[in-house]
Protein backbone atom coordinates (compact mmCIF):
# COMPACT_ATOMS: atom_id res chain seq x y z
CA MET A 1 14.09 10.20 122.87
CA LEU A 2 12.17 7.84 125.15
CA THR A 3 13.78 4.40 125.23
CA LEU A 4 11.20 1.64 124.91
CA PRO A 5 11.69 -2.12 125.17
CA ALA A 6 12.01 -4.04 121.91
CA LEU A 7 8.99 -6.03 120.76
CA PRO A 8 9.19 -9.78 120.19
CA ALA A 9 9.96 -10.40 116.51
CA ASP A 10 6.95 -12.67 116.08
CA THR A 11 4.33 -10.20 117.37
CA GLY A 12 3.08 -9.41 113.87
CA LEU A 13 2.76 -13.10 113.10
CA ASN A 14 0.80 -13.63 116.32
CA LEU A 15 -1.59 -10.85 115.34
CA MET A 16 -2.06 -12.35 111.88
CA GLN A 17 -2.79 -15.73 113.44
CA ARG A 18 -5.50 -14.24 115.64
CA LEU A 19 -7.08 -12.56 112.64
CA GLU A 20 -7.07 -15.87 110.76
CA GLU A 21 -8.69 -17.64 113.69
CA ILE A 22 -11.52 -15.17 114.15
CA ALA A 23 -12.21 -15.08 110.38
CA GLN A 24 -13.71 -18.57 110.72
CA PHE A 25 -16.75 -17.05 112.44
CA SER A 26 -18.53 -16.22 109.22
CA GLU A 27 -21.62 -17.10 107.26
CA GLY A 28 -21.09 -19.24 104.18
CA GLY A 29 -19.60 -18.00 100.93
CA PRO A 30 -16.37 -16.25 99.96
CA GLY A 31 -14.58 -13.95 102.38
CA VAL A 32 -16.00 -13.05 105.78
CA THR A 33 -19.66 -12.26 106.42
CA ARG A 34 -20.37 -11.44 110.07
CA ARG A 35 -23.55 -9.52 110.76
CA PRO A 36 -24.33 -8.04 114.19
CA PHE A 37 -26.19 -9.99 116.87
CA THR A 38 -25.90 -13.33 115.08
CA ALA A 39 -24.38 -16.67 116.04
CA GLU A 40 -21.19 -15.67 114.19
CA HIS A 41 -21.03 -12.43 116.16
CA ARG A 42 -21.54 -14.29 119.42
CA ARG A 43 -18.70 -16.70 118.69
CA ALA A 44 -16.43 -13.85 117.62
CA ASN A 45 -17.20 -12.02 120.86
CA GLU A 46 -16.33 -15.13 122.85
CA MET A 47 -12.91 -15.22 121.20
CA ILE A 48 -12.36 -11.49 121.66
CA ALA A 49 -13.34 -11.78 125.33
CA THR A 50 -10.80 -14.59 125.75
CA TRP A 51 -8.09 -12.37 124.26
CA MET A 52 -9.14 -9.56 126.59
CA ARG A 53 -8.92 -11.73 129.68
CA GLN A 54 -5.50 -13.02 128.59
CA ALA A 55 -4.41 -9.38 128.51
CA GLY A 56 -5.72 -8.85 132.04
CA LEU A 57 -8.68 -6.74 130.98
CA GLU A 58 -12.02 -6.56 132.77
CA VAL A 59 -14.71 -7.63 130.27
CA ARG A 60 -18.31 -6.46 129.95
CA ILE A 61 -20.91 -5.75 127.28
CA ASP A 62 -22.77 -2.43 127.20
CA ALA A 63 -26.40 -1.67 126.34
CA ALA A 64 -25.63 -1.38 122.62
CA GLY A 65 -23.87 -4.74 122.43
CA THR A 66 -20.36 -3.24 122.43
CA LEU A 67 -17.87 -5.63 124.01
CA ILE A 68 -15.54 -3.66 126.28
CA GLY A 69 -12.24 -4.71 127.85
CA ARG A 70 -10.93 -2.33 130.51
CA ARG A 71 -7.46 -1.92 131.96
CA PRO A 72 -7.86 0.26 135.09
CA GLY A 73 -5.60 3.24 135.65
CA PRO A 74 -4.48 5.13 138.73
CA PRO A 75 -7.24 6.52 140.99
CA GLY A 76 -8.98 9.43 139.30
CA ALA A 77 -7.23 8.87 135.98
CA LYS A 78 -9.00 9.47 132.70
CA THR A 79 -9.58 6.75 130.12
CA LEU A 80 -8.21 6.32 126.61
CA LEU A 81 -10.64 4.47 124.33
CA ILE A 82 -9.28 2.30 121.50
CA GLY A 83 -11.55 0.34 119.19
CA SER A 84 -13.18 -0.57 115.94
CA HIS A 85 -15.94 -2.87 114.69
CA GLN A 86 -16.15 -6.65 114.52
CA ASP A 87 -18.91 -6.81 111.87
CA THR A 88 -18.29 -7.00 108.12
CA ILE A 89 -20.09 -6.37 104.88
CA ARG A 90 -21.31 -9.41 102.96
CA GLN A 91 -18.32 -11.33 101.62
CA GLY A 92 -15.85 -8.84 103.10
CA GLY A 93 -12.26 -9.30 104.19
CA LYS A 94 -10.41 -10.54 107.26
CA TYR A 95 -9.00 -7.21 108.42
CA ASP A 96 -11.52 -4.37 108.03
CA GLY A 97 -12.60 -3.47 111.56
CA ILE A 98 -11.42 -6.52 113.47
CA PHE A 99 -7.77 -5.50 112.93
CA GLY A 100 -8.41 -2.50 115.19
CA ILE A 101 -9.72 -4.75 117.95
CA ALA A 102 -7.22 -7.61 117.92
CA LEU A 103 -4.22 -5.27 117.68
CA PRO A 104 -4.74 -3.17 120.84
CA ILE A 105 -5.65 -6.23 122.88
CA LEU A 106 -2.37 -7.88 121.88
CA VAL A 107 -0.42 -4.71 122.66
CA LEU A 108 -2.02 -4.40 126.09
CA GLU A 109 -1.15 -8.03 126.75
CA MET A 110 2.47 -7.21 125.91
CA LEU A 111 2.37 -4.15 128.19
CA ARG A 112 0.58 -5.92 131.03
CA GLU A 113 3.47 -5.41 133.45
CA ARG A 114 4.15 -1.80 132.46
CA SER A 115 2.25 0.97 134.21
CA LEU A 116 0.35 3.66 132.31
CA PRO A 117 -0.85 6.96 133.81
CA TYR A 118 -4.38 6.45 132.50
CA ALA A 119 -6.97 3.72 132.05
CA VAL A 120 -7.51 2.03 128.68
CA GLU A 121 -10.64 0.47 127.23
CA VAL A 122 -10.77 -1.60 124.06
CA LEU A 123 -14.14 -1.33 122.30
CA ALA A 124 -15.42 -4.03 119.93
CA PHE A 125 -18.39 -2.33 118.30
CA ALA A 126 -21.24 -4.53 117.13
CA ASP A 127 -22.57 -2.70 114.08
CA GLU A 128 -20.52 -0.24 112.03
CA GLU A 129 -21.42 -1.39 108.53
CA GLY A 130 -25.22 -1.25 108.80
CA VAL A 131 -25.58 -4.47 106.78
CA ARG A 132 -28.23 -6.23 108.86
CA PHE A 133 -30.12 -3.16 110.12
CA PRO A 134 -30.06 0.34 108.57
CA THR A 135 -28.33 1.68 111.70
CA ALA A 136 -24.62 2.03 110.94
CA LEU A 137 -22.30 3.29 113.70
CA MET A 138 -24.74 2.27 116.41
CA GLY A 139 -22.18 1.55 119.16
CA PRO A 140 -20.26 4.84 119.03
CA ARG A 141 -23.46 6.84 118.61
CA VAL A 142 -24.82 5.30 121.81
CA LEU A 143 -21.63 6.24 123.67
CA ALA A 144 -21.80 9.78 122.26
CA GLY A 145 -25.50 10.15 123.04
CA THR A 146 -26.43 10.73 119.39
CA PHE A 147 -28.23 7.45 118.68
CA ASP A 148 -31.86 7.83 117.64
CA SER A 149 -33.84 5.32 119.73
CA ALA A 150 -36.45 5.13 116.95
CA ASN A 151 -33.89 2.97 115.11
CA LEU A 152 -34.56 0.19 117.63
CA GLN A 153 -37.81 -0.56 115.80
CA LYS A 154 -36.15 -1.00 112.41
CA THR A 155 -36.16 -4.54 111.09
CA ASP A 156 -33.85 -6.86 109.19
CA LYS A 157 -34.90 -8.81 106.10
CA ASP A 158 -36.55 -11.44 108.31
CA GLY A 159 -38.68 -8.89 110.14
CA GLU A 160 -36.79 -9.01 113.45
CA THR A 161 -36.42 -5.63 115.13
CA LEU A 162 -33.08 -4.27 116.24
CA ALA A 163 -34.43 -4.08 119.78
CA ALA A 164 -35.30 -7.79 119.82
CA ALA A 165 -31.97 -8.86 118.31
CA LEU A 166 -30.05 -6.67 120.74
CA ALA A 167 -31.94 -7.94 123.79
CA ASP A 168 -31.46 -11.56 122.72
CA PHE A 169 -27.74 -10.91 122.36
CA GLY A 170 -27.41 -9.58 125.90
CA GLY A 171 -27.73 -5.87 125.24
CA ASP A 172 -30.27 -3.59 126.86
CA PRO A 173 -32.49 -1.54 124.54
CA ALA A 174 -34.06 0.22 127.53
CA GLY A 175 -30.61 1.23 128.79
CA ILE A 176 -29.41 2.90 125.60
CA ALA A 177 -29.69 6.46 126.92
CA ALA A 178 -27.89 5.61 130.16
CA ALA A 179 -24.95 4.11 128.23
CA ARG A 180 -23.78 7.55 127.13
CA ARG A 181 -20.24 8.27 128.35
CA ASP A 182 -19.10 11.43 130.11
CA PRO A 183 -16.54 13.23 127.92
CA ASP A 184 -14.87 14.68 131.02
CA ASP A 185 -13.77 11.14 131.94
CA LEU A 186 -12.05 10.51 128.59
CA LEU A 187 -8.69 11.34 127.04
CA GLY A 188 -9.88 10.49 123.56
CA TYR A 189 -10.50 7.69 121.09
CA LEU A 190 -7.92 6.01 118.85
CA GLU A 191 -8.82 3.71 115.96
CA MET A 192 -6.33 1.44 114.21
CA HIS A 193 -7.57 0.46 110.75
CA ILE A 194 -6.37 -0.82 107.42
CA GLU A 195 -6.20 2.03 104.93
CA GLN A 196 -8.75 0.60 102.47
CA GLY A 197 -6.98 2.57 99.75
CA PRO A 198 -3.71 2.59 97.76
CA VAL A 199 -1.88 5.67 99.10
CA LEU A 200 0.45 4.03 101.63
CA GLU A 201 1.32 1.23 99.23
CA SER A 202 2.12 3.75 96.49
CA LEU A 203 4.52 5.50 98.89
CA GLY A 204 6.09 2.31 100.22
CA LEU A 205 5.00 3.08 103.78
CA PRO A 206 3.58 0.57 106.29
CA VAL A 207 1.55 3.07 108.33
CA GLY A 208 0.13 6.57 108.07
CA ILE A 209 -1.53 9.15 110.32
CA VAL A 210 -5.06 10.24 109.46
CA THR A 211 -5.57 14.00 109.40
CA ALA A 212 -9.35 13.95 109.03
CA ILE A 213 -12.25 11.72 108.14
CA CYS A 214 -13.70 13.18 104.99
CA GLY A 215 -16.89 15.15 104.70
CA ILE A 216 -19.30 13.80 102.09
CA GLU A 217 -22.10 15.21 100.00
CA ARG A 218 -24.17 13.64 97.23
CA TRP A 219 -26.31 15.21 94.54
CA THR A 220 -28.76 13.83 92.05
CA VAL A 221 -28.60 15.64 88.69
CA GLU A 222 -31.34 15.32 86.08
CA LEU A 223 -30.83 16.65 82.55
CA THR A 224 -33.75 16.79 80.13
CA GLY A 225 -33.28 17.31 76.40
CA GLN A 226 -35.23 15.89 73.51
CA ALA A 227 -35.38 12.26 72.47
CA ALA A 228 -35.25 11.94 68.68
CA HIS A 229 -34.19 9.66 65.86
CA ALA A 230 -30.45 9.21 65.91
CA GLY A 231 -30.18 8.92 62.13
CA THR A 232 -32.33 11.83 61.03
CA THR A 233 -31.43 14.55 63.52
CA PRO A 234 -28.34 16.60 62.54
CA MET A 235 -25.60 16.88 65.14
CA ASP A 236 -26.00 20.64 65.57
CA LEU A 237 -29.75 20.32 66.21
CA ARG A 238 -29.58 17.71 68.95
CA ARG A 239 -30.47 18.18 72.62
CA ASP A 240 -28.60 15.11 73.85
CA ALA A 241 -28.98 14.72 77.61
CA PHE A 242 -26.35 11.99 77.89
CA ALA A 243 -23.75 14.04 76.03
CA GLY A 244 -24.36 16.78 78.59
CA ALA A 245 -23.96 14.28 81.42
CA ALA A 246 -20.69 13.04 79.93
CA GLU A 247 -19.33 16.60 79.74
CA ILE A 248 -20.30 17.22 83.38
CA ALA A 249 -18.70 13.92 84.47
CA LEU A 250 -15.40 14.94 82.87
CA ALA A 251 -15.66 18.35 84.52
CA VAL A 252 -16.14 16.71 87.94
CA GLU A 253 -13.11 14.50 87.36
CA SER A 254 -10.99 17.44 86.21
CA HIS A 255 -11.99 19.65 89.13
CA CYS A 256 -11.18 16.93 91.66
CA ARG A 257 -7.84 16.15 90.04
CA GLU A 258 -6.87 19.82 90.27
CA THR A 259 -8.01 20.34 93.88
CA GLU A 260 -5.86 18.97 96.69
CA GLY A 261 -7.79 17.07 99.35
CA LEU A 262 -10.83 16.48 97.13
CA VAL A 263 -12.16 13.33 95.46
CA GLY A 264 -15.35 12.90 93.51
CA ILE A 265 -17.25 10.62 91.21
CA VAL A 266 -20.20 10.61 88.84
CA ALA A 267 -22.12 7.33 89.01
CA SER A 268 -25.59 5.74 89.14
CA VAL A 269 -26.26 6.86 85.58
CA SER A 270 -29.61 6.17 83.91
CA VAL A 271 -30.56 7.20 80.39
CA LEU A 272 -33.90 7.35 78.59
CA PRO A 273 -34.99 5.97 76.21
CA ASN A 274 -31.72 3.96 76.34
CA VAL A 275 -31.91 2.36 72.88
CA PRO A 276 -29.15 2.39 70.24
CA ASN A 277 -30.97 4.45 67.60
CA ALA A 278 -32.52 7.23 69.71
CA ILE A 279 -30.94 10.39 71.12
CA PRO A 280 -31.14 10.30 74.93
CA GLY A 281 -33.84 12.69 76.05
CA LYS A 282 -33.14 12.32 79.76
CA ALA A 283 -30.06 11.50 81.83
CA THR A 284 -30.06 11.14 85.60
CA PHE A 285 -26.88 10.61 87.59
CA SER A 286 -25.30 11.10 91.02
CA VAL A 287 -22.36 13.29 91.95
CA GLU A 288 -20.49 12.48 95.14
CA LEU A 289 -17.79 14.73 96.63
CA ARG A 290 -15.49 13.94 99.56
CA ALA A 291 -12.92 16.24 101.15
CA SER A 292 -10.90 16.56 104.34
CA GLU A 293 -12.15 20.13 104.81
CA ASP A 294 -15.77 21.18 104.45
CA SER A 295 -14.80 24.45 102.78
CA ILE A 296 -13.05 22.56 99.96
CA ARG A 297 -16.05 20.31 99.43
CA GLU A 298 -18.56 23.17 99.53
CA ALA A 299 -16.53 25.22 97.05
CA ALA A 300 -16.36 22.23 94.71
CA ALA A 301 -20.12 21.73 94.92
CA ALA A 302 -20.68 25.38 94.00
CA ALA A 303 -18.29 25.17 91.05
CA ILE A 304 -19.88 21.98 89.75
CA SER A 305 -23.36 23.44 90.10
CA GLU A 306 -22.23 26.35 87.92
CA LYS A 307 -20.84 23.87 85.40
CA VAL A 308 -24.17 22.00 85.26
CA GLU A 309 -25.97 25.27 84.58
CA ALA A 310 -23.50 26.33 81.88
CA VAL A 311 -23.51 22.97 80.07
CA SER A 312 -27.29 22.81 80.17
CA ALA A 313 -27.65 26.32 78.73
CA ARG A 314 -25.19 25.68 75.93
CA ARG A 315 -26.77 22.35 74.98
CA GLY A 316 -30.40 23.43 75.29
CA LEU A 317 -31.12 21.19 78.27
CA ASN A 318 -33.28 21.66 81.33
CA TYR A 319 -31.71 20.58 84.60
CA SER A 320 -32.43 19.97 88.28
CA LEU A 321 -29.97 19.57 91.15
CA THR A 322 -31.02 17.87 94.40
CA LYS A 323 -28.73 17.39 97.40
CA THR A 324 -29.47 13.93 98.82
CA TYR A 325 -26.83 13.56 101.56
CA ALA A 326 -24.36 15.65 103.54
CA GLN A 327 -21.89 14.73 106.27
CA LYS A 328 -19.35 17.08 107.80
CA ALA A 329 -15.63 16.33 107.89
CA VAL A 330 -14.15 15.15 111.18
CA PRO A 331 -10.67 16.55 111.91
CA CYS A 332 -8.39 14.37 114.00
CA ASP A 333 -7.10 15.77 117.28
CA PRO A 334 -3.70 17.56 117.05
CA TRP A 335 -2.46 16.25 120.42
CA LEU A 336 -3.25 12.63 119.65
CA ARG A 337 -1.90 13.03 116.10
CA GLY A 338 1.30 14.53 117.48
CA THR A 339 1.83 11.58 119.81
CA LEU A 340 1.19 9.21 116.91
CA ALA A 341 3.82 11.06 114.87
CA ARG A 342 6.38 10.70 117.65
CA SER A 343 5.57 7.00 117.97
CA LEU A 344 6.18 6.49 114.25
CA VAL A 345 9.50 8.33 114.41
CA GLN A 346 10.42 6.22 117.44
CA GLY A 347 9.87 3.12 115.31
CA GLY A 348 11.88 4.48 112.39
CA PHE A 349 8.87 5.21 110.16
CA ARG A 350 8.11 8.38 108.23
CA PRO A 351 5.01 10.00 109.80
CA HIS A 352 3.07 10.45 106.58
CA ARG A 353 -0.32 12.15 106.92
CA LEU A 354 -3.36 11.36 104.79
CA MET A 355 -7.12 11.83 104.68
CA SER A 356 -9.56 9.02 105.33
CA GLY A 357 -11.90 8.85 102.37
CA ALA A 358 -14.15 6.37 104.19
CA THR A 359 -16.30 6.79 107.29
CA HIS A 360 -15.28 4.96 110.47
CA ASP A 361 -16.44 4.52 114.05
CA ALA A 362 -14.17 7.47 114.86
CA SER A 363 -16.45 9.80 112.89
CA ALA A 364 -19.28 9.15 115.38
CA MET A 365 -16.95 9.07 118.40
CA ALA A 366 -15.90 12.63 117.53
CA ASP A 367 -19.22 13.78 118.99
CA LEU A 368 -17.99 12.44 122.34
CA CYS A 369 -14.25 13.11 122.57
CA PRO A 370 -11.08 13.89 120.58
CA VAL A 371 -10.30 11.20 117.97
CA ALA A 372 -7.31 9.96 116.02
CA MET A 373 -6.64 7.17 113.54
CA LEU A 374 -3.61 5.22 112.35
CA PHE A 375 -3.83 3.47 108.99
CA THR A 376 -1.99 0.29 108.03
CA ARG A 377 -1.07 -0.45 104.42
CA CYS A 378 -3.23 -3.01 102.60
CA ARG A 379 -2.36 -4.87 99.41
CA ASP A 380 -3.49 -3.14 96.21
CA GLY A 381 -5.53 -0.75 98.37
CA LEU A 382 -8.22 -3.43 98.38
CA SER A 383 -10.91 -3.67 101.06
CA HIS A 384 -14.52 -4.83 101.44
CA HIS A 385 -13.41 -7.84 99.40
CA PRO A 386 -12.38 -11.45 100.14
CA ASP A 387 -8.88 -10.67 98.80
CA GLU A 388 -8.28 -7.92 101.37
CA ALA A 389 -4.76 -8.48 102.74
CA ILE A 390 -1.96 -7.05 104.88
CA THR A 391 1.49 -8.45 105.68
CA ALA A 392 2.90 -9.70 108.97
CA GLU A 393 5.64 -7.07 108.64
CA ASP A 394 3.10 -4.27 108.47
CA ALA A 395 1.18 -5.82 111.36
CA GLN A 396 4.43 -5.77 113.34
CA ALA A 397 4.98 -2.11 112.46
CA SER A 398 1.46 -1.23 113.61
CA VAL A 399 1.94 -3.07 116.90
CA ALA A 400 5.21 -1.22 117.48
CA CYS A 401 3.59 2.14 116.78
CA LEU A 402 0.69 1.53 119.15
CA ALA A 403 2.98 0.22 121.90
CA SER A 404 5.10 3.37 121.60
CA PHE A 405 2.02 5.60 121.48
CA LEU A 406 0.59 4.16 124.69
CA GLN A 407 3.85 4.67 126.54
CA MET A 408 4.43 8.18 125.14
CA LEU A 409 0.93 9.52 125.73
CA ASP A 410 1.09 12.03 128.57
CA PRO A 411 -2.34 12.98 129.97
CA ASP A 412 -0.80 15.93 131.83
């Protein structure tokens, strides 16, 4: 096994301190609110750039407002990209996104005197969440060449266009197309992120290796029965749309419980006439399915569609099914995953593998190059919330894993 130098015992604490410091760059209210191309974003970027320079990185901002810190490699060497997003949802937490920026910068600072056979760039994406403009994952889509330039004319709630906000921030709307990266120059993309779920905590593990970023599809289901008086209509003569919806919801839950790698939910329920003494004549609801493999998700959608048809026929209901959204699963690269596994073993951790049920910058970067993700345990599986939390011990474990990964990664 490769022998690597021991990390300073306070590295995790140092990372936590940096995350506390940058959390101050937030709009008012609970938690952290940092929207892209705002004063808070600018101040956060200034701090990130300072960290990058302390680590010996060359700092620049690209056309999409992504802050990039580069550590050059040997002549002709390819580049490993590592990154995440600095923006947050409204009243979010201190770790979602920014954890995956602060961590690699700190590790590269620690490894400043150790040579690597490739170049490394740390990417601080401006807009992953899509909170200010309806343009989530802008930074990685620009790098991958999949960004729709028509989005530059979309506006925020104050009527400012994305193009204007980006230009004012120092980006270059006219240079978006030219910012696309050449995949032949890249080894891949690695994203370090808090899990945002309870799996690692339930297993007592500080870190885990992501196998795939889930595919997603959403359906709107409308059931139509007959509204009628709830006191005068016998039970066996009712065409209760909500009762049909409830049966379908339980069927979705049961199917997902019984199918490995699949999660689903029925939500956004509306009922008409929605009064206590009338049988619901119409029920409309959403069904969302997520799975690590598209075949699993597609099979579930087919089975649930059959269930909707069967329930409707038995209950005397009319139904409609409309697919409103679909996103393919993104498998993580076997070579990068394998190196992550070896780095975890090197650190004495079990290399547990799990699906990401949320979308990340890596899902858009997969259109450019191979991707991988390492999750860090978060308390109670809580994220997108002011109480989002990790421990210094888990931060230390994540630093150790990344430091090992960078030194184990063999581009040949």
